[in-house]
């Protein structure tokens, strides 16, 4: 294998040094791209967080409203049932039965009483 001449070795060395001299500029370019990417990502993540917060807040408001509506509906139904019970009690006290007795009440009345 023939040895390289000093001139060819020197040429190779000069090429390598020339390429190495370009590295700081290339590293700076990559660094600025990374900084730009970080800035863009921070902005995008911030927008995403804000959007999620708004969606969560809207869902929270919607659920609270729906729960309040169902609560009010249940209260109205309870009041109606309460009034029915009061009316039935008044009718029972007066000795009048506006509703026919239920099958359960008829069965209970038809059973023999235990005199214990």
C-alpha atoms as a PDB file:
ATOM      1  CA  UNK A   1       0.000   0.000   0.000  1.00  0.00           C
ATOM      2  CA  UNK A   2       1.614   3.246  -1.049  1.00  0.00           C
ATOM      3  CA  UNK A   3       1.882   5.891   1.604  1.00  0.00           C
ATOM      4  CA  UNK A   4       0.130   9.140   1.059  1.00  0.00           C
ATOM      5  CA  UNK A   5       2.260  12.046   0.245  1.00  0.00           C
ATOM      6  CA  UNK A   6       2.512  14.914   2.596  1.00  0.00           C
ATOM      7  CA  UNK A   7       0.711  17.115   0.105  1.00  0.00           C
ATOM      8  CA  UNK A   8      -2.309  14.813  -0.141  1.00  0.00           C
ATOM      9  CA  UNK A   9      -2.405  14.455   3.636  1.00  0.00           C
ATOM     10  CA  UNK A  10      -2.238  18.209   3.986  1.00  0.00           C
ATOM     11  CA  UNK A  11      -5.072  18.616   1.467  1.00  0.00           C
ATOM     12  CA  UNK A  12      -7.206  16.146   3.403  1.00  0.00           C
ATOM     13  CA  UNK A  13      -6.449  17.952   6.634  1.00  0.00           C
ATOM     14  CA  UNK A  14      -7.404  21.307   5.110  1.00  0.00           C
ATOM     15  CA  UNK A  15     -10.723  19.854   3.903  1.00  0.00           C
ATOM     16  CA  UNK A  16     -11.467  18.502   7.338  1.00  0.00           C
ATOM     17  CA  UNK A  17     -10.631  21.767   9.042  1.00  0.00           C
ATOM     18  CA  UNK A  18     -12.789  23.650   6.541  1.00  0.00           C
ATOM     19  CA  UNK A  19     -15.731  21.346   7.356  1.00  0.00           C
ATOM     20  CA  UNK A  20     -15.103  21.688  11.085  1.00  0.00           C
ATOM     21  CA  UNK A  21     -15.058  25.466  10.767  1.00  0.00           C
ATOM     22  CA  UNK A  22     -18.617  25.280   9.403  1.00  0.00           C
ATOM     23  CA  UNK A  23     -19.845  23.404  12.492  1.00  0.00           C
ATOM     24  CA  UNK A  24     -20.391  26.415  14.794  1.00  0.00           C
ATOM     25  CA  UNK A  25     -22.659  28.035  12.206  1.00  0.00           C
ATOM     26  CA  UNK A  26     -24.571  24.802  11.723  1.00  0.00           C
ATOM     27  CA  UNK A  27     -24.904  24.325  15.494  1.00  0.00           C
ATOM     28  CA  UNK A  28     -26.160  27.904  15.845  1.00  0.00           C
ATOM     29  CA  UNK A  29     -28.730  27.278  13.111  1.00  0.00           C
ATOM     30  CA  UNK A  30     -29.946  24.134  14.884  1.00  0.00           C
ATOM     31  CA  UNK A  31     -30.030  26.001  18.191  1.00  0.00           C
ATOM     32  CA  UNK A  32     -32.182  28.785  16.737  1.00  0.00           C
ATOM     33  CA  UNK A  33     -34.529  26.182  15.233  1.00  0.00           C
ATOM     34  CA  UNK A  34     -34.846  24.510  18.631  1.00  0.00           C
ATOM     35  CA  UNK A  35     -35.603  27.856  20.286  1.00  0.00           C
ATOM     36  CA  UNK A  36     -38.237  28.579  17.627  1.00  0.00           C
ATOM     37  CA  UNK A  37     -39.749  25.112  18.079  1.00  0.00           C
ATOM     38  CA  UNK A  38     -39.920  25.593  21.863  1.00  0.00           C
ATOM     39  CA  UNK A  39     -41.654  28.942  21.425  1.00  0.00           C
ATOM     40  CA  UNK A  40     -44.194  27.480  19.000  1.00  0.00           C
ATOM     41  CA  UNK A  41     -44.838  24.457  21.209  1.00  0.00           C
ATOM     42  CA  UNK A  42     -45.277  26.638  24.307  1.00  0.00           C
ATOM     43  CA  UNK A  43     -47.804  28.742  22.422  1.00  0.00           C
ATOM     44  CA  UNK A  44     -49.688  25.701  21.102  1.00  0.00           C
ATOM     45  CA  UNK A  45     -49.760  24.021  24.517  1.00  0.00           C
ATOM     46  CA  UNK A  46     -50.993  27.241  26.081  1.00  0.00           C
ATOM     47  CA  UNK A  47     -53.825  27.451  23.539  1.00  0.00           C
ATOM     48  CA  UNK A  48     -54.674  23.783  24.116  1.00  0.00           C
ATOM     49  CA  UNK A  49     -54.780  24.270  27.898  1.00  0.00           C
ATOM     50  CA  UNK A  50     -56.982  27.335  27.511  1.00  0.00           C
ATOM     51  CA  UNK A  51     -59.333  25.459  25.177  1.00  0.00           C
ATOM     52  CA  UNK A  52     -59.567  22.513  27.577  1.00  0.00           C
ATOM     53  CA  UNK A  53     -60.265  24.840  30.494  1.00  0.00           C
ATOM     54  CA  UNK A  54     -63.091  26.455  28.555  1.00  0.00           C
ATOM     55  CA  UNK A  55     -64.573  23.072  27.605  1.00  0.00           C
ATOM     56  CA  UNK A  56     -64.353  21.834  31.193  1.00  0.00           C
ATOM     57  CA  UNK A  57     -65.952  25.034  32.507  1.00  0.00           C
ATOM     58  CA  UNK A  58     -68.779  24.785  29.954  1.00  0.00           C
ATOM     59  CA  UNK A  59     -69.371  21.116  30.791  1.00  0.00           C
ATOM     60  CA  UNK A  60     -69.371  22.006  34.492  1.00  0.00           C
ATOM     61  CA  UNK A  61     -71.946  24.768  33.949  1.00  0.00           C
ATOM     62  CA  UNK A  62     -74.077  22.493  31.803  1.00  0.00           C
ATOM     63  CA  UNK A  63     -74.021  19.670  34.345  1.00  0.00           C
ATOM     64  CA  UNK A  64     -74.846  22.024  37.220  1.00  0.00           C
ATOM     65  CA  UNK A  65     -77.795  23.409  35.256  1.00  0.00           C
ATOM     66  CA  UNK A  66     -79.036  19.919  34.395  1.00  0.00           C
ATOM     67  CA  UNK A  67     -78.707  18.789  38.019  1.00  0.00           C
ATOM     68  CA  UNK A  68     -80.569  21.892  39.219  1.00  0.00           C
ATOM     69  CA  UNK A  69     -83.383  21.235  36.716  1.00  0.00           C
ATOM     70  CA  UNK A  70     -83.695  17.596  37.813  1.00  0.00           C
ATOM     71  CA  UNK A  71     -83.627  18.686  41.453  1.00  0.00           C
ATOM     72  CA  UNK A  72     -86.423  21.175  40.873  1.00  0.00           C
ATOM     73  CA  UNK A  73     -88.415  18.537  39.014  1.00  0.00           C
ATOM     74  CA  UNK A  74     -87.979  16.090  41.895  1.00  0.00           C
ATOM     75  CA  UNK A  75     -89.062  18.742  44.391  1.00  0.00           C
ATOM     76  CA  UNK A  76     -92.209  19.484  42.381  1.00  0.00           C
ATOM     77  CA  UNK A  77     -93.011  15.778  42.194  1.00  0.00           C
ATOM     78  CA  UNK A  78     -92.453  15.385  45.951  1.00  0.00           C
ATOM     79  CA  UNK A  79     -94.794  18.311  46.640  1.00  0.00           C
ATOM     80  CA  UNK A  80     -97.493  16.757  44.451  1.00  0.00           C
ATOM     81  CA  UNK A  81     -97.115  13.422  46.214  1.00  0.00           C
ATOM     82  CA  UNK A  82     -97.183  15.141  49.587  1.00  0.00           C
ATOM     83  CA  UNK A  83    -100.382  16.982  48.698  1.00  0.00           C
ATOM     84  CA  UNK A  84    -101.957  13.705  47.535  1.00  0.00           C
ATOM     85  CA  UNK A  85    -101.080  12.059  50.825  1.00  0.00           C
ATOM     86  CA  UNK A  86    -102.513  14.996  52.784  1.00  0.00           C
ATOM     87  CA  UNK A  87    -105.735  14.844  50.724  1.00  0.00           C
ATOM     88  CA  UNK A  88    -106.033  11.089  51.251  1.00  0.00           C
ATOM     89  CA  UNK A  89    -105.503  11.477  54.985  1.00  0.00           C
ATOM     90  CA  UNK A  90    -108.187  14.158  55.165  1.00  0.00           C
ATOM     91  CA  UNK A  91    -110.567  11.970  53.190  1.00  0.00           C
ATOM     92  CA  UNK A  92    -109.845   8.990  55.447  1.00  0.00           C
ATOM     93  CA  UNK A  93    -110.507  11.110  58.521  1.00  0.00           C
ATOM     94  CA  UNK A  94    -113.828  12.217  57.056  1.00  0.00           C
ATOM     95  CA  UNK A  95    -114.755   8.579  56.428  1.00  0.00           C
ATOM     96  CA  UNK A  96    -114.928   8.877  52.691  1.00  0.00           C
ATOM     97  CA  UNK A  97    -112.726   6.941  50.329  1.00  0.00           C
ATOM     98  CA  UNK A  98    -112.345   8.634  46.923  1.00  0.00           C
ATOM     99  CA  UNK A  99    -110.214   5.766  45.628  1.00  0.00           C
ATOM    100  CA  UNK A 100    -111.288   2.141  45.580  1.00  0.00           C
ATOM    101  CA  UNK A 101    -109.215   0.039  47.928  1.00  0.00           C
ATOM    102  CA  UNK A 102    -106.164  -1.559  46.366  1.00  0.00           C
ATOM    103  CA  UNK A 103    -105.851  -5.325  45.919  1.00  0.00           C
ATOM    104  CA  UNK A 104    -103.327  -5.357  48.738  1.00  0.00           C
ATOM    105  CA  UNK A 105    -105.775  -3.660  51.116  1.00  0.00           C
ATOM    106  CA  UNK A 106    -108.579  -6.063  50.053  1.00  0.00           C
ATOM    107  CA  UNK A 107    -106.350  -9.099  50.680  1.00  0.00           C
ATOM    108  CA  UNK A 108    -105.321  -7.780  54.071  1.00  0.00           C
ATOM    109  CA  UNK A 109    -108.931  -7.104  55.021  1.00  0.00           C
ATOM    110  CA  UNK A 110    -110.057 -10.555  53.925  1.00  0.00           C
ATOM    111  CA  UNK A 111    -107.434 -12.351  56.084  1.00  0.00           C
ATOM    112  CA  UNK A 112    -108.617 -13.665  59.434  1.00  0.00           C
ATOM    113  CA  UNK A 113    -107.400 -11.614  62.355  1.00  0.00           C
ATOM    114  CA  UNK A 114    -105.171 -13.268  64.926  1.00  0.00           C
ATOM    115  CA  UNK A 115    -106.312 -12.377  68.416  1.00  0.00           C
ATOM    116  CA  UNK A 116    -103.019 -12.851  70.179  1.00  0.00           C
END
